[in-house]
């Protein structure tokens, strides 16, 4: 997966968060989320930071963060693993 493909996947997730009315916000790293919306808002906030990592060519971090976001999206029931595999392939 190259940088352009990652950006396409991030666009899919950004649109989904907006469609669901999920805000983009950081979450304190020393606390646990109490709701699925807390989890999703943190993931939404991660998307913009990932653009910086892509520009810096720090793809290892991009892929770790993408995996984290996809794990959260699966956990809260937004996408199945198969759907996310399709996002990564398209």
N, C-alpha and C. Protein backbone atom coordinates (compact mmCIF):
# COMPACT_ATOMS: atom_id res chain seq x y z
N UNK A 1 0.86 -1.17 0.00
CA UNK A 1 0.00 0.00 0.00
C UNK A 1 0.91 1.23 0.00
N UNK A 2 0.69 2.12 -0.96
CA UNK A 2 1.50 3.33 -1.04
C UNK A 2 0.77 4.52 -0.40
N UNK A 3 1.41 5.67 -0.37
CA UNK A 3 0.86 6.85 0.29
C UNK A 3 -0.48 7.27 -0.31
N UNK A 4 -0.60 7.23 -1.63
CA UNK A 4 -1.87 7.62 -2.26
C UNK A 4 -3.00 6.68 -1.85
N UNK A 5 -2.72 5.40 -1.77
CA UNK A 5 -3.73 4.43 -1.36
C UNK A 5 -4.14 4.67 0.08
N UNK A 6 -3.17 4.95 0.95
CA UNK A 6 -3.49 5.24 2.35
C UNK A 6 -4.40 6.46 2.42
N UNK A 7 -4.09 7.48 1.65
CA UNK A 7 -4.93 8.70 1.65
C UNK A 7 -6.37 8.37 1.22
N UNK A 8 -6.51 7.47 0.25
CA UNK A 8 -7.87 7.07 -0.17
C UNK A 8 -8.62 6.41 0.99
N UNK A 9 -7.95 5.55 1.72
CA UNK A 9 -8.58 4.87 2.85
C UNK A 9 -8.93 5.89 3.93
N UNK A 10 -8.04 6.83 4.20
CA UNK A 10 -8.31 7.85 5.20
C UNK A 10 -9.52 8.69 4.80
N UNK A 11 -9.66 8.95 3.51
CA UNK A 11 -10.82 9.71 3.03
C UNK A 11 -12.12 8.94 3.29
N UNK A 12 -12.10 7.64 3.08
CA UNK A 12 -13.29 6.81 3.36
C UNK A 12 -13.66 6.93 4.83
N UNK A 13 -12.67 6.83 5.72
CA UNK A 13 -12.95 6.86 7.15
C UNK A 13 -13.35 8.26 7.62
N UNK A 14 -12.71 9.28 7.07
CA UNK A 14 -13.09 10.66 7.42
C UNK A 14 -14.55 10.92 7.05
N UNK A 15 -14.95 10.48 5.87
CA UNK A 15 -16.35 10.66 5.44
C UNK A 15 -17.30 9.89 6.36
N UNK A 16 -16.94 8.68 6.74
CA UNK A 16 -17.79 7.88 7.61
C UNK A 16 -17.97 8.57 8.96
N UNK A 17 -16.87 9.08 9.53
CA UNK A 17 -16.96 9.78 10.81
C UNK A 17 -17.86 11.01 10.69
N UNK A 18 -17.71 11.76 9.61
CA UNK A 18 -18.55 12.95 9.42
C UNK A 18 -20.00 12.56 9.25
N UNK A 19 -20.26 11.52 8.45
CA UNK A 19 -21.64 11.06 8.24
C UNK A 19 -22.29 10.61 9.55
N UNK A 20 -21.48 10.05 10.45
CA UNK A 20 -21.99 9.58 11.74
C UNK A 20 -22.04 10.70 12.80
N UNK A 21 -21.56 11.89 12.43
CA UNK A 21 -21.54 13.01 13.37
C UNK A 21 -20.50 12.85 14.47
N UNK A 22 -19.42 12.14 14.17
CA UNK A 22 -18.35 11.91 15.16
C UNK A 22 -17.37 13.07 15.08
N UNK A 23 -17.15 13.80 16.18
CA UNK A 23 -16.19 14.90 16.16
C UNK A 23 -14.77 14.38 16.07
N UNK A 24 -13.88 15.26 15.70
CA UNK A 24 -12.45 14.95 15.67
C UNK A 24 -11.83 15.57 16.91
N UNK A 25 -11.34 14.74 17.82
CA UNK A 25 -10.72 15.29 19.01
C UNK A 25 -9.70 14.33 19.60
N UNK A 26 -8.69 14.92 20.23
CA UNK A 26 -7.69 14.07 20.89
C UNK A 26 -8.28 13.46 22.15
N UNK A 27 -7.73 12.36 22.57
CA UNK A 27 -8.18 11.71 23.80
C UNK A 27 -6.98 11.59 24.72
N UNK A 28 -7.14 11.93 25.99
CA UNK A 28 -5.99 11.82 26.91
C UNK A 28 -5.41 10.40 26.91
N UNK A 29 -4.12 10.30 26.70
CA UNK A 29 -3.48 8.99 26.58
C UNK A 29 -3.40 8.23 27.89
N UNK A 30 -3.62 8.91 29.00
CA UNK A 30 -3.55 8.24 30.31
C UNK A 30 -4.93 7.83 30.82
N UNK A 31 -5.94 7.94 29.97
CA UNK A 31 -7.31 7.59 30.36
C UNK A 31 -7.88 6.55 29.40
N UNK A 32 -8.93 5.90 29.85
CA UNK A 32 -9.65 4.96 29.00
C UNK A 32 -10.91 5.62 28.47
N UNK A 33 -11.28 5.32 27.22
CA UNK A 33 -12.55 5.85 26.70
C UNK A 33 -13.70 5.17 27.43
N UNK A 34 -14.79 5.90 27.59
CA UNK A 34 -15.95 5.33 28.27
C UNK A 34 -17.07 4.96 27.31
N UNK A 35 -17.00 5.48 26.09
CA UNK A 35 -18.05 5.18 25.10
C UNK A 35 -17.41 4.87 23.75
N UNK A 36 -18.19 4.25 22.89
CA UNK A 36 -17.73 4.02 21.52
C UNK A 36 -17.47 5.35 20.81
N UNK A 37 -18.27 6.39 21.12
CA UNK A 37 -18.05 7.68 20.49
C UNK A 37 -16.70 8.27 20.90
N UNK A 38 -16.27 8.04 22.14
CA UNK A 38 -14.94 8.48 22.56
C UNK A 38 -13.87 7.82 21.69
N UNK A 39 -14.03 6.52 21.47
CA UNK A 39 -13.08 5.77 20.65
C UNK A 39 -13.05 6.34 19.24
N UNK A 40 -14.22 6.52 18.66
CA UNK A 40 -14.30 6.99 17.27
C UNK A 40 -13.80 8.42 17.13
N UNK A 41 -14.08 9.28 18.11
CA UNK A 41 -13.61 10.67 18.05
C UNK A 41 -12.08 10.71 18.08
N UNK A 42 -11.49 9.85 18.89
CA UNK A 42 -10.03 9.78 18.93
C UNK A 42 -9.49 9.31 17.57
N UNK A 43 -10.11 8.29 17.00
CA UNK A 43 -9.68 7.80 15.69
C UNK A 43 -9.83 8.87 14.63
N UNK A 44 -10.93 9.62 14.68
CA UNK A 44 -11.15 10.70 13.72
C UNK A 44 -10.02 11.73 13.85
N UNK A 45 -9.64 12.05 15.07
CA UNK A 45 -8.55 13.00 15.28
C UNK A 45 -7.21 12.49 14.78
N UNK A 46 -7.02 11.21 14.79
CA UNK A 46 -5.76 10.62 14.31
C UNK A 46 -5.57 10.80 12.81
N UNK A 47 -6.66 10.91 12.06
CA UNK A 47 -6.55 10.97 10.60
C UNK A 47 -5.72 12.15 10.12
N UNK A 48 -5.94 13.33 10.70
CA UNK A 48 -5.18 14.51 10.26
C UNK A 48 -3.70 14.36 10.60
N UNK A 49 -3.40 13.81 11.76
CA UNK A 49 -2.00 13.59 12.14
C UNK A 49 -1.33 12.62 11.18
N UNK A 50 -2.08 11.67 10.69
CA UNK A 50 -1.51 10.69 9.76
C UNK A 50 -1.07 11.34 8.46
N UNK A 51 -1.75 12.40 8.04
CA UNK A 51 -1.33 13.11 6.83
C UNK A 51 0.09 13.66 7.00
N UNK A 52 0.40 14.15 8.19
CA UNK A 52 1.74 14.64 8.47
C UNK A 52 2.76 13.51 8.38
N UNK A 53 2.43 12.36 8.93
CA UNK A 53 3.34 11.21 8.87
C UNK A 53 3.59 10.77 7.42
N UNK A 54 2.54 10.84 6.61
CA UNK A 54 2.70 10.48 5.19
C UNK A 54 3.67 11.46 4.53
N UNK A 55 3.50 12.76 4.78
CA UNK A 55 4.39 13.76 4.19
C UNK A 55 5.83 13.56 4.65
N UNK A 56 6.00 13.11 5.89
CA UNK A 56 7.34 12.87 6.43
C UNK A 56 7.89 11.50 5.99
N UNK A 57 7.10 10.77 5.21
CA UNK A 57 7.45 9.42 4.75
C UNK A 57 7.69 8.46 5.90
N UNK A 58 6.95 8.65 6.98
CA UNK A 58 7.02 7.77 8.15
C UNK A 58 5.91 6.73 8.02
N UNK A 59 6.03 5.88 7.00
CA UNK A 59 4.96 4.94 6.68
C UNK A 59 4.79 3.85 7.73
N UNK A 60 5.85 3.52 8.45
CA UNK A 60 5.70 2.54 9.52
C UNK A 60 4.68 3.01 10.55
N UNK A 61 4.79 4.28 10.92
CA UNK A 61 3.83 4.84 11.89
C UNK A 61 2.44 4.94 11.28
N UNK A 62 2.38 5.31 10.01
CA UNK A 62 1.09 5.39 9.32
C UNK A 62 0.38 4.03 9.37
N UNK A 63 1.10 2.98 9.08
CA UNK A 63 0.48 1.65 9.05
C UNK A 63 0.08 1.18 10.45
N UNK A 64 0.86 1.52 11.47
CA UNK A 64 0.47 1.17 12.84
C UNK A 64 -0.81 1.90 13.23
N UNK A 65 -0.87 3.18 12.91
CA UNK A 65 -2.06 3.95 13.26
C UNK A 65 -3.27 3.49 12.46
N UNK A 66 -3.07 3.18 11.18
CA UNK A 66 -4.17 2.66 10.36
C UNK A 66 -4.70 1.36 10.96
N UNK A 67 -3.82 0.48 11.36
CA UNK A 67 -4.24 -0.76 11.98
C UNK A 67 -5.02 -0.52 13.27
N UNK A 68 -4.58 0.44 14.06
CA UNK A 68 -5.29 0.79 15.29
C UNK A 68 -6.70 1.27 14.97
N UNK A 69 -6.80 2.20 14.02
CA UNK A 69 -8.11 2.75 13.63
C UNK A 69 -9.01 1.65 13.09
N UNK A 70 -8.48 0.79 12.25
CA UNK A 70 -9.30 -0.28 11.69
C UNK A 70 -9.74 -1.25 12.78
N UNK A 71 -8.90 -1.52 13.75
CA UNK A 71 -9.29 -2.37 14.86
C UNK A 71 -10.43 -1.76 15.65
N UNK A 72 -10.35 -0.45 15.86
CA UNK A 72 -11.43 0.24 16.58
C UNK A 72 -12.73 0.24 15.77
N UNK A 73 -12.63 0.48 14.47
CA UNK A 73 -13.82 0.47 13.62
C UNK A 73 -14.50 -0.90 13.63
N UNK A 74 -13.71 -1.94 13.69
CA UNK A 74 -14.26 -3.30 13.76
C UNK A 74 -14.89 -3.54 15.13
N UNK A 75 -14.20 -3.12 16.19
CA UNK A 75 -14.66 -3.35 17.56
C UNK A 75 -16.03 -2.71 17.81
N UNK A 76 -16.23 -1.49 17.29
CA UNK A 76 -17.50 -0.80 17.55
C UNK A 76 -18.56 -1.12 16.50
N UNK A 77 -18.23 -1.97 15.53
CA UNK A 77 -19.23 -2.44 14.58
C UNK A 77 -19.50 -1.52 13.41
N UNK A 78 -18.51 -0.71 13.02
CA UNK A 78 -18.70 0.17 11.87
C UNK A 78 -18.42 -0.56 10.55
N UNK A 79 -17.31 -1.29 10.52
CA UNK A 79 -16.94 -2.07 9.34
C UNK A 79 -16.53 -3.48 9.75
N UNK A 80 -16.79 -4.43 8.87
CA UNK A 80 -16.27 -5.79 9.08
C UNK A 80 -14.81 -5.83 8.61
N UNK A 81 -14.13 -6.86 9.00
CA UNK A 81 -12.74 -7.03 8.56
C UNK A 81 -12.70 -7.15 7.04
N UNK A 82 -13.65 -7.87 6.47
CA UNK A 82 -13.69 -8.02 5.01
C UNK A 82 -13.88 -6.68 4.32
N UNK A 83 -14.76 -5.83 4.85
CA UNK A 83 -14.95 -4.50 4.25
C UNK A 83 -13.67 -3.69 4.29
N UNK A 84 -12.95 -3.75 5.40
CA UNK A 84 -11.72 -2.99 5.51
C UNK A 84 -10.62 -3.55 4.62
N UNK A 85 -10.61 -4.86 4.43
CA UNK A 85 -9.67 -5.44 3.47
C UNK A 85 -9.95 -4.88 2.07
N UNK A 86 -11.24 -4.75 1.75
CA UNK A 86 -11.61 -4.17 0.46
C UNK A 86 -11.16 -2.70 0.36
N UNK A 87 -11.29 -1.94 1.46
CA UNK A 87 -10.82 -0.55 1.43
C UNK A 87 -9.34 -0.51 1.09
N UNK A 88 -8.58 -1.40 1.69
CA UNK A 88 -7.13 -1.42 1.48
C UNK A 88 -6.76 -1.85 0.07
N UNK A 89 -7.63 -2.60 -0.59
CA UNK A 89 -7.33 -3.11 -1.93
C UNK A 89 -7.78 -2.20 -3.05
N UNK A 90 -8.87 -1.51 -2.86
CA UNK A 90 -9.51 -0.75 -3.95
C UNK A 90 -8.57 0.26 -4.57
